[in-house]
PDB file of N, CA and C in Angstrom:
ATOM      1  N   MET A   1      95.797 -25.814 148.577  1.00  0.00           N
ATOM      2  CA  MET A   1      94.639 -26.682 148.513  1.00  0.00           C
ATOM      3  C   MET A   1      93.918 -26.664 149.856  1.00  0.00           C
ATOM      4  N   LYS A   2      92.636 -26.977 149.794  1.00  0.00           N
ATOM      5  CA  LYS A   2      91.823 -27.132 150.998  1.00  0.00           C
ATOM      6  C   LYS A   2      91.331 -28.567 151.065  1.00  0.00           C
ATOM      7  N   VAL A   3      91.139 -29.067 152.269  1.00  0.00           N
ATOM      8  CA  VAL A   3      90.568 -30.387 152.469  1.00  0.00           C
ATOM      9  C   VAL A   3      89.129 -30.203 152.919  1.00  0.00           C
ATOM     10  N   LYS A   4      88.220 -30.881 152.213  1.00  0.00           N
ATOM     11  CA  LYS A   4      86.802 -30.820 152.547  1.00  0.00           C
ATOM     12  C   LYS A   4      86.221 -32.229 152.521  1.00  0.00           C
ATOM     13  N   PHE A   5      85.196 -32.434 153.333  1.00  0.00           N
ATOM     14  CA  PHE A   5      84.481 -33.699 153.366  1.00  0.00           C
ATOM     15  C   PHE A   5      83.212 -33.587 152.532  1.00  0.00           C
ATOM     16  N   THR A   6      82.891 -34.647 151.794  1.00  0.00           N
ATOM     17  CA  THR A   6      81.560 -34.721 151.201  1.00  0.00           C
ATOM     18  C   THR A   6      80.588 -34.962 152.362  1.00  0.00           C
ATOM     19  N   PRO A   7      79.306 -34.670 152.194  1.00  0.00           N
ATOM     20  CA  PRO A   7      78.364 -34.910 153.296  1.00  0.00           C
ATOM     21  C   PRO A   7      78.375 -36.352 153.809  1.00  0.00           C
ATOM     22  N   SER A   8      78.439 -37.315 152.915  1.00  0.00           N
ATOM     23  CA  SER A   8      78.427 -38.718 153.363  1.00  0.00           C
ATOM     24  C   SER A   8      79.716 -39.074 154.107  1.00  0.00           C
ATOM     25  N   ALA A   9      80.850 -38.566 153.659  1.00  0.00           N
ATOM     26  CA  ALA A   9      82.117 -38.842 154.341  1.00  0.00           C
ATOM     27  C   ALA A   9      82.134 -38.177 155.717  1.00  0.00           C
ATOM     28  N   ARG A  10      81.581 -36.977 155.832  1.00  0.00           N
ATOM     29  CA  ARG A  10      81.509 -36.308 157.131  1.00  0.00           C
ATOM     30  C   ARG A  10      80.662 -37.142 158.105  1.00  0.00           C
ATOM     31  N   THR A  11      79.550 -37.660 157.617  1.00  0.00           N
ATOM     32  CA  THR A  11      78.690 -38.505 158.442  1.00  0.00           C
ATOM     33  C   THR A  11      79.448 -39.757 158.892  1.00  0.00           C
ATOM     34  N   GLN A  12      80.197 -40.370 157.989  1.00  0.00           N
ATOM     35  CA  GLN A  12      80.967 -41.569 158.325  1.00  0.00           C
ATOM     36  C   GLN A  12      82.033 -41.250 159.379  1.00  0.00           C
ATOM     37  N   PHE A  13      82.701 -40.113 159.221  1.00  0.00           N
ATOM     38  CA  PHE A  13      83.738 -39.715 160.177  1.00  0.00           C
ATOM     39  C   PHE A  13      83.130 -39.451 161.557  1.00  0.00           C
ATOM     40  N   LEU A  14      82.031 -38.721 161.587  1.00  0.00           N
ATOM     41  CA  LEU A  14      81.382 -38.425 162.864  1.00  0.00           C
ATOM     42  C   LEU A  14      80.843 -39.699 163.524  1.00  0.00           C
ATOM     43  N   SER A  15      80.364 -40.640 162.720  1.00  0.00           N
ATOM     44  CA  SER A  15      79.906 -41.927 163.254  1.00  0.00           C
ATOM     45  C   SER A  15      81.074 -42.705 163.861  1.00  0.00           C
ATOM     46  N   ALA A  16      82.222 -42.661 163.196  1.00  0.00           N
ATOM     47  CA  ALA A  16      83.407 -43.339 163.723  1.00  0.00           C
ATOM     48  C   ALA A  16      83.813 -42.727 165.060  1.00  0.00           C
ATOM     49  N   LEU A  17      83.812 -41.403 165.128  1.00  0.00           N
ATOM     50  CA  LEU A  17      84.157 -40.738 166.385  1.00  0.00           C
ATOM     51  C   LEU A  17      83.178 -41.115 167.493  1.00  0.00           C
ATOM     52  N   SER A  18      81.912 -41.148 167.166  1.00  0.00           N
ATOM     53  CA  SER A  18      80.886 -41.510 168.145  1.00  0.00           C
ATOM     54  C   SER A  18      81.080 -42.940 168.649  1.00  0.00           C
ATOM     55  N   TYR A  19      81.385 -43.834 167.732  1.00  0.00           N
ATOM     56  CA  TYR A  19      81.604 -45.238 168.089  1.00  0.00           C
ATOM     57  C   TYR A  19      82.803 -45.374 169.031  1.00  0.00           C
ATOM     58  N   ILE A  20      83.887 -44.703 168.693  1.00  0.00           N
ATOM     59  CA  ILE A  20      85.094 -44.767 169.527  1.00  0.00           C
ATOM     60  C   ILE A  20      84.818 -44.139 170.894  1.00  0.00           C
ATOM     61  N   ARG A  21      84.106 -43.023 170.899  1.00  0.00           N
ATOM     62  CA  ARG A  21      83.814 -42.287 172.130  1.00  0.00           C
ATOM     63  C   ARG A  21      83.016 -43.129 173.135  1.00  0.00           C
ATOM     64  N   LYS A  22      82.181 -44.044 172.633  1.00  0.00           N
ATOM     65  CA  LYS A  22      81.371 -44.886 173.533  1.00  0.00           C
ATOM     66  C   LYS A  22      82.250 -45.706 174.467  1.00  0.00           C
ATOM     67  N   ASP A  23      83.335 -46.242 173.928  1.00  0.00           N
ATOM     68  CA  ASP A  23      84.211 -47.091 174.734  1.00  0.00           C
ATOM     69  C   ASP A  23      85.274 -46.298 175.485  1.00  0.00           C
ATOM     70  N   LYS A  24      85.803 -45.260 174.807  1.00  0.00           N
ATOM     71  CA  LYS A  24      86.902 -44.527 175.428  1.00  0.00           C
ATOM     72  C   LYS A  24      86.952 -43.106 174.862  1.00  0.00           C
ATOM     73  N   PRO A  25      86.381 -42.153 175.575  1.00  0.00           N
ATOM     74  CA  PRO A  25      86.350 -40.771 175.081  1.00  0.00           C
ATOM     75  C   PRO A  25      87.731 -40.204 174.744  1.00  0.00           C
ATOM     76  N   SER A  26      88.724 -40.543 175.531  1.00  0.00           N
ATOM     77  CA  SER A  26      90.059 -40.006 175.249  1.00  0.00           C
ATOM     78  C   SER A  26      90.610 -40.551 173.928  1.00  0.00           C
ATOM     79  N   ALA A  27      90.264 -41.783 173.577  1.00  0.00           N
ATOM     80  CA  ALA A  27      90.715 -42.364 172.302  1.00  0.00           C
ATOM     81  C   ALA A  27      90.054 -41.647 171.133  1.00  0.00           C
ATOM     82  N   ALA A  28      88.809 -41.238 171.300  1.00  0.00           N
ATOM     83  CA  ALA A  28      88.112 -40.495 170.241  1.00  0.00           C
ATOM     84  C   ALA A  28      88.802 -39.161 169.997  1.00  0.00           C
ATOM     85  N   LEU A  29      89.188 -38.492 171.066  1.00  0.00           N
ATOM     86  CA  LEU A  29      89.883 -37.211 170.922  1.00  0.00           C
ATOM     87  C   LEU A  29      91.240 -37.401 170.252  1.00  0.00           C
ATOM     88  N   THR A  30      91.958 -38.432 170.646  1.00  0.00           N
ATOM     89  CA  THR A  30      93.259 -38.727 170.030  1.00  0.00           C
ATOM     90  C   THR A  30      93.089 -39.024 168.546  1.00  0.00           C
ATOM     91  N   PHE A  31      92.084 -39.836 168.216  1.00  0.00           N
ATOM     92  CA  PHE A  31      91.828 -40.179 166.813  1.00  0.00           C
ATOM     93  C   PHE A  31      91.485 -38.921 166.006  1.00  0.00           C
ATOM     94  N   ARG A  32      90.622 -38.075 166.550  1.00  0.00           N
ATOM     95  CA  ARG A  32      90.239 -36.838 165.844  1.00  0.00           C
ATOM     96  C   ARG A  32      91.455 -35.945 165.610  1.00  0.00           C
ATOM     97  N   ASN A  33      92.280 -35.760 166.636  1.00  0.00           N
ATOM     98  CA  ASN A  33      93.473 -34.918 166.486  1.00  0.00           C
ATOM     99  C   ASN A  33      94.441 -35.494 165.457  1.00  0.00           C
ATOM    100  N   GLN A  34      94.604 -36.795 165.483  1.00  0.00           N
ATOM    101  CA  GLN A  34      95.497 -37.451 164.516  1.00  0.00           C
ATOM    102  C   GLN A  34      94.935 -37.298 163.103  1.00  0.00           C
ATOM    103  N   ALA A  35      93.629 -37.477 162.948  1.00  0.00           N
ATOM    104  CA  ALA A  35      92.995 -37.330 161.636  1.00  0.00           C
ATOM    105  C   ALA A  35      93.169 -35.907 161.110  1.00  0.00           C
ATOM    106  N   GLU A  36      92.945 -34.923 161.961  1.00  0.00           N
ATOM    107  CA  GLU A  36      93.093 -33.534 161.531  1.00  0.00           C
ATOM    108  C   GLU A  36      94.522 -33.250 161.073  1.00  0.00           C
ATOM    109  N   LYS A  37      95.485 -33.751 161.820  1.00  0.00           N
ATOM    110  CA  LYS A  37      96.892 -33.531 161.474  1.00  0.00           C
ATOM    111  C   LYS A  37      97.242 -34.172 160.131  1.00  0.00           C
ATOM    112  N   ILE A  38      96.854 -35.424 159.948  1.00  0.00           N
ATOM    113  CA  ILE A  38      97.205 -36.136 158.715  1.00  0.00           C
ATOM    114  C   ILE A  38      96.445 -35.568 157.522  1.00  0.00           C
ATOM    115  N   LEU A  39      95.164 -35.271 157.707  1.00  0.00           N
ATOM    116  CA  LEU A  39      94.390 -34.720 156.593  1.00  0.00           C
ATOM    117  C   LEU A  39      94.863 -33.324 156.224  1.00  0.00           C
ATOM    118  N   ARG A  40      95.303 -32.549 157.196  1.00  0.00           N
ATOM    119  CA  ARG A  40      95.841 -31.211 156.917  1.00  0.00           C
ATOM    120  C   ARG A  40      97.104 -31.302 156.047  1.00  0.00           C
ATOM    121  N   ARG A  41      97.864 -32.374 156.221  1.00  0.00           N
ATOM    122  CA  ARG A  41      99.067 -32.567 155.405  1.00  0.00           C
ATOM    123  C   ARG A  41      98.718 -32.685 153.923  1.00  0.00           C
ATOM    124  N   LEU A  42      97.513 -33.180 153.628  1.00  0.00           N
ATOM    125  CA  LEU A  42      97.085 -33.306 152.231  1.00  0.00           C
ATOM    126  C   LEU A  42      96.949 -31.948 151.546  1.00  0.00           C
ATOM    127  N   GLU A  43      96.780 -30.886 152.318  1.00  0.00           N
ATOM    128  CA  GLU A  43      96.701 -29.545 151.727  1.00  0.00           C
ATOM    129  C   GLU A  43      97.972 -29.216 150.959  1.00  0.00           C
ATOM    130  N   ASP A  44      99.109 -29.630 151.495  1.00  0.00           N
ATOM    131  CA  ASP A  44     100.402 -29.369 150.849  1.00  0.00           C
ATOM    132  C   ASP A  44     100.899 -30.534 150.003  1.00  0.00           C
ATOM    133  N   PHE A  45     100.466 -31.732 150.347  1.00  0.00           N
ATOM    134  CA  PHE A  45     100.950 -32.929 149.658  1.00  0.00           C
ATOM    135  C   PHE A  45      99.779 -33.831 149.273  1.00  0.00           C
ATOM    136  N   PRO A  46      98.940 -33.396 148.337  1.00  0.00           N
ATOM    137  CA  PRO A  46      97.742 -34.165 148.000  1.00  0.00           C
ATOM    138  C   PRO A  46      98.024 -35.537 147.390  1.00  0.00           C
ATOM    139  N   GLU A  47      99.193 -35.729 146.843  1.00  0.00           N
ATOM    140  CA  GLU A  47      99.523 -37.019 146.245  1.00  0.00           C
ATOM    141  C   GLU A  47     100.222 -37.953 147.237  1.00  0.00           C
ATOM    142  N   SER A  48     100.271 -37.562 148.504  1.00  0.00           N
ATOM    143  CA  SER A  48     101.003 -38.368 149.489  1.00  0.00           C
ATOM    144  C   SER A  48     100.268 -39.642 149.894  1.00  0.00           C
ATOM    145  N   GLY A  49      98.965 -39.682 149.689  1.00  0.00           N
ATOM    146  CA  GLY A  49      98.224 -40.905 149.977  1.00  0.00           C
ATOM    147  C   GLY A  49      98.523 -41.957 148.923  1.00  0.00           C
ATOM    148  N   LYS A  50      98.226 -43.201 149.282  1.00  0.00           N
ATOM    149  CA  LYS A  50      98.496 -44.257 148.302  1.00  0.00           C
ATOM    150  C   LYS A  50      97.248 -44.542 147.470  1.00  0.00           C
ATOM    151  N   ILE A  51      97.464 -45.093 146.303  1.00  0.00           N
ATOM    152  CA  ILE A  51      96.360 -45.501 145.438  1.00  0.00           C
ATOM    153  C   ILE A  51      95.613 -46.625 146.154  1.00  0.00           C
ATOM    154  N   ILE A  52      94.305 -46.609 146.065  1.00  0.00           N
ATOM    155  CA  ILE A  52      93.493 -47.612 146.750  1.00  0.00           C
ATOM    156  C   ILE A  52      93.701 -48.965 146.070  1.00  0.00           C
ATOM    157  N   PRO A  53      94.227 -49.951 146.792  1.00  0.00           N
ATOM    158  CA  PRO A  53      94.549 -51.239 146.160  1.00  0.00           C
ATOM    159  C   PRO A  53      93.356 -51.920 145.497  1.00  0.00           C
ATOM    160  N   GLU A  54      92.166 -51.747 146.055  1.00  0.00           N
ATOM    161  CA  GLU A  54      90.980 -52.386 145.482  1.00  0.00           C
ATOM    162  C   GLU A  54      90.497 -51.687 144.211  1.00  0.00           C
ATOM    163  N   PHE A  55      90.953 -50.460 143.976  1.00  0.00           N
ATOM    164  CA  PHE A  55      90.479 -49.660 142.834  1.00  0.00           C
ATOM    165  C   PHE A  55      91.641 -48.924 142.169  1.00  0.00           C
ATOM    166  N   ILE A  56      92.620 -49.685 141.705  1.00  0.00           N
ATOM    167  CA  ILE A  56      93.836 -49.056 141.179  1.00  0.00           C
ATOM    168  C   ILE A  56      93.605 -48.238 139.913  1.00  0.00           C
ATOM    169  N   ASP A  57      92.513 -48.497 139.206  1.00  0.00           N
ATOM    170  CA  ASP A  57      92.250 -47.768 137.969  1.00  0.00           C
ATOM    171  C   ASP A  57      91.466 -46.475 138.192  1.00  0.00           C
ATOM    172  N   LEU A  58      91.057 -46.212 139.408  1.00  0.00           N
ATOM    173  CA  LEU A  58      90.272 -45.013 139.688  1.00  0.00           C
ATOM    174  C   LEU A  58      91.175 -43.898 140.222  1.00  0.00           C
ATOM    175  N   PRO A  59      90.763 -42.650 140.056  1.00  0.00           N
ATOM    176  CA  PRO A  59      91.602 -41.522 140.476  1.00  0.00           C
ATOM    177  C   PRO A  59      91.456 -41.172 141.962  1.00  0.00           C
ATOM    178  N   TYR A  60      91.364 -42.177 142.818  1.00  0.00           N
ATOM    179  CA  TYR A  60      91.209 -41.961 144.245  1.00  0.00           C
ATOM    180  C   TYR A  60      92.453 -42.444 144.974  1.00  0.00           C
ATOM    181  N   ARG A  61      92.683 -41.860 146.133  1.00  0.00           N
ATOM    182  CA  ARG A  61      93.790 -42.262 146.995  1.00  0.00           C
ATOM    183  C   ARG A  61      93.246 -42.456 148.397  1.00  0.00           C
ATOM    184  N   GLU A  62      94.096 -42.974 149.266  1.00  0.00           N
ATOM    185  CA  GLU A  62      93.690 -43.155 150.648  1.00  0.00           C
ATOM    186  C   GLU A  62      94.826 -42.818 151.594  1.00  0.00           C
ATOM    187  N   VAL A  63      94.427 -42.405 152.788  1.00  0.00           N
ATOM    188  CA  VAL A  63      95.356 -42.323 153.909  1.00  0.00           C
ATOM    189  C   VAL A  63      94.731 -43.163 155.013  1.00  0.00           C
ATOM    190  N   ILE A  64      95.581 -43.847 155.734  1.00  0.00           N
ATOM    191  CA  ILE A  64      95.108 -44.702 156.811  1.00  0.00           C
ATOM    192  C   ILE A  64      95.413 -44.022 158.137  1.00  0.00           C
ATOM    193  N   ILE A  65      94.363 -43.857 158.898  1.00  0.00           N
ATOM    194  CA  ILE A  65      94.480 -43.358 160.266  1.00  0.00           C
ATOM    195  C   ILE A  65      93.848 -44.473 161.090  1.00  0.00           C
ATOM    196  N   SER A  66      94.679 -45.360 161.514  1.00  0.00           N
ATOM    197  CA  SER A  66      94.251 -46.632 162.092  1.00  0.00           C
ATOM    198  C   SER A  66      93.205 -46.439 163.177  1.00  0.00           C
ATOM    199  N   PRO A  67      92.142 -47.225 163.087  1.00  0.00           N
ATOM    200  CA  PRO A  67      91.870 -48.340 162.185  1.00  0.00           C
ATOM    201  C   PRO A  67      91.020 -47.941 160.972  1.00  0.00           C
ATOM    202  N   TYR A  68      90.971 -46.658 160.618  1.00  0.00           N
ATOM    203  CA  TYR A  68      90.107 -46.196 159.532  1.00  0.00           C
ATOM    204  C   TYR A  68      90.903 -45.816 158.289  1.00  0.00           C
ATOM    205  N   ARG A  69      90.225 -45.952 157.157  1.00  0.00           N
ATOM    206  CA  ARG A  69      90.781 -45.572 155.860  1.00  0.00           C
ATOM    207  C   ARG A  69      89.982 -44.374 155.351  1.00  0.00           C
ATOM    208  N   PHE A  70      90.695 -43.326 154.977  1.00  0.00           N
ATOM    209  CA  PHE A  70      90.076 -42.117 154.435  1.00  0.00           C
ATOM    210  C   PHE A  70      90.363 -42.082 152.940  1.00  0.00           C
ATOM    211  N   PHE A  71      89.309 -42.166 152.131  1.00  0.00           N
ATOM    212  CA  PHE A  71      89.443 -42.157 150.686  1.00  0.00           C
ATOM    213  C   PHE A  71      89.214 -40.738 150.180  1.00  0.00           C
ATOM    214  N   TYR A  72      90.045 -40.317 149.237  1.00  0.00           N
ATOM    215  CA  TYR A  72      89.918 -38.946 148.757  1.00  0.00           C
ATOM    216  C   TYR A  72      90.253 -38.818 147.275  1.00  0.00           C
ATOM    217  N   LYS A  73      89.854 -37.682 146.745  1.00  0.00           N
ATOM    218  CA  LYS A  73      90.101 -37.342 145.346  1.00  0.00           C
ATOM    219  C   LYS A  73      90.394 -35.850 145.289  1.00  0.00           C
ATOM    220  N   THR A  74      91.355 -35.470 144.472  1.00  0.00           N
ATOM    221  CA  THR A  74      91.622 -34.046 144.296  1.00  0.00           C
ATOM    222  C   THR A  74      90.869 -33.549 143.065  1.00  0.00           C
ATOM    223  N   LYS A  75      90.282 -32.387 143.227  1.00  0.00           N
ATOM    224  CA  LYS A  75      89.563 -31.760 142.125  1.00  0.00           C
ATOM    225  C   LYS A  75      89.810 -30.269 142.226  1.00  0.00           C
ATOM    226  N   GLU A  76      90.473 -29.746 141.184  1.00  0.00           N
ATOM    227  CA  GLU A  76      90.892 -28.347 141.152  1.00  0.00           C
ATOM    228  C   GLU A  76      91.764 -28.077 142.377  1.00  0.00           C
ATOM    229  N   ASP A  77      91.363 -27.187 143.261  1.00  0.00           N
ATOM    230  CA  ASP A  77      92.210 -26.881 144.413  1.00  0.00           C
ATOM    231  C   ASP A  77      91.629 -27.430 145.723  1.00  0.00           C
ATOM    232  N   ILE A  78      90.845 -28.508 145.609  1.00  0.00           N
ATOM    233  CA  ILE A  78      90.223 -29.111 146.789  1.00  0.00           C
ATOM    234  C   ILE A  78      90.547 -30.601 146.856  1.00  0.00           C
ATOM    235  N   VAL A  79      90.908 -31.040 148.050  1.00  0.00           N
ATOM    236  CA  VAL A  79      91.045 -32.467 148.332  1.00  0.00           C
ATOM    237  C   VAL A  79      89.721 -32.878 148.973  1.00  0.00           C
ATOM    238  N   TRP A  80      88.949 -33.695 148.262  1.00  0.00           N
ATOM    239  CA  TRP A  80      87.640 -34.122 148.746  1.00  0.00           C
ATOM    240  C   TRP A  80      87.764 -35.466 149.435  1.00  0.00           C
ATOM    241  N   ILE A  81      87.468 -35.517 150.724  1.00  0.00           N
ATOM    242  CA  ILE A  81      87.366 -36.788 151.430  1.00  0.00           C
ATOM    243  C   ILE A  81      85.997 -37.338 151.044  1.00  0.00           C
ATOM    244  N   VAL A  82      85.986 -38.484 150.379  1.00  0.00           N
ATOM    245  CA  VAL A  82      84.735 -39.020 149.836  1.00  0.00           C
ATOM    246  C   VAL A  82      84.178 -40.194 150.646  1.00  0.00           C
ATOM    247  N   ALA A  83      85.005 -40.815 151.473  1.00  0.00           N
ATOM    248  CA  ALA A  83      84.527 -41.938 152.284  1.00  0.00           C
ATOM    249  C   ALA A  83      85.486 -42.185 153.436  1.00  0.00           C
ATOM    250  N   VAL A  84      84.930 -42.688 154.531  1.00  0.00           N
ATOM    251  CA  VAL A  84      85.716 -43.079 155.702  1.00  0.00           C
ATOM    252  C   VAL A  84      85.211 -44.466 156.102  1.00  0.00           C
ATOM    253  N   TRP A  85      86.094 -45.448 155.996  1.00  0.00           N
ATOM    254  CA  TRP A  85      85.709 -46.829 156.272  1.00  0.00           C
ATOM    255  C   TRP A  85      86.631 -47.426 157.319  1.00  0.00           C
ATOM    256  N   HIS A  86      86.065 -48.271 158.157  1.00  0.00           N
ATOM    257  CA  HIS A  86      86.881 -49.035 159.085  1.00  0.00           C
ATOM    258  C   HIS A  86      87.719 -50.003 158.266  1.00  0.00           C
ATOM    259  N   GLY A  87      88.935 -50.250 158.693  1.00  0.00           N
ATOM    260  CA  GLY A  87      89.840 -51.113 157.946  1.00  0.00           C
ATOM    261  C   GLY A  87      89.325 -52.525 157.737  1.00  0.00           C
ATOM    262  N   ALA A  88      88.407 -52.988 158.585  1.00  0.00           N
ATOM    263  CA  ALA A  88      87.856 -54.333 158.439  1.00  0.00           C
ATOM    264  C   ALA A  88      86.749 -54.392 157.389  1.00  0.00           C
ATOM    265  N   GLN A  89      86.250 -53.238 156.963  1.00  0.00           N
ATOM    266  CA  GLN A  89      85.200 -53.208 155.957  1.00  0.00           C
ATOM    267  C   GLN A  89      85.791 -53.326 154.555  1.00  0.00           C
ATOM    268  N   LEU A  90      85.060 -53.963 153.681  1.00  0.00           N
ATOM    269  CA  LEU A  90      85.458 -53.989 152.283  1.00  0.00           C
ATOM    270  C   LEU A  90      84.856 -52.763 151.621  1.00  0.00           C
ATOM    271  N   PRO A  91      85.689 -51.890 151.062  1.00  0.00           N
ATOM    272  CA  PRO A  91      85.153 -50.643 150.519  1.00  0.00           C
ATOM    273  C   PRO A  91      84.357 -50.863 149.234  1.00  0.00           C
ATOM    274  N   LYS A  92      83.360 -50.022 149.059  1.00  0.00           N
ATOM    275  CA  LYS A  92      82.628 -49.944 147.790  1.00  0.00           C
ATOM    276  C   LYS A  92      83.390 -48.943 146.931  1.00  0.00           C
ATOM    277  N   GLU A  93      83.120 -48.958 145.664  1.00  0.00           N
ATOM    278  CA  GLU A  93      83.771 -48.009 144.770  1.00  0.00           C
ATOM    279  C   GLU A  93      83.431 -46.599 145.216  1.00  0.00           C
ATOM    280  N   PRO A  94      84.461 -45.761 145.456  1.00  0.00           N
ATOM    281  CA  PRO A  94      84.201 -44.388 145.894  1.00  0.00           C
ATOM    282  C   PRO A  94      83.431 -43.601 144.842  1.00  0.00           C
ATOM    283  N   THR A  95      82.596 -42.719 145.306  1.00  0.00           N
ATOM    284  CA  THR A  95      81.868 -41.813 144.423  1.00  0.00           C
ATOM    285  C   THR A  95      82.003 -40.399 144.960  1.00  0.00           C
ATOM    286  N   THR A  96      81.906 -39.434 144.079  1.00  0.00           N
ATOM    287  CA  THR A  96      82.022 -38.040 144.526  1.00  0.00           C
ATOM    288  C   THR A  96      80.700 -37.473 144.887  1.00  0.00           C
TER     289      THR A  96
END
């Protein structure tokens, strides 16, 4: 499997990195490296994320890379990251 971001999720991720970088550039780099490592694990273990508690009936999962939540869906041989939200935000229903 491959991990890919939807355009909106990529924008959210880059915005998160930019926000973190403003206060502490080294923390942004650490967060990015941690995100890459955890998201890469989804290539081999796409079901390793947990079902999103707010949307248990939907076919989406999440991985938490503190303080952000990465929402994703598998489709064929791709793990699509569909949204990246700060943990303090209340998520909207994910869309592809």
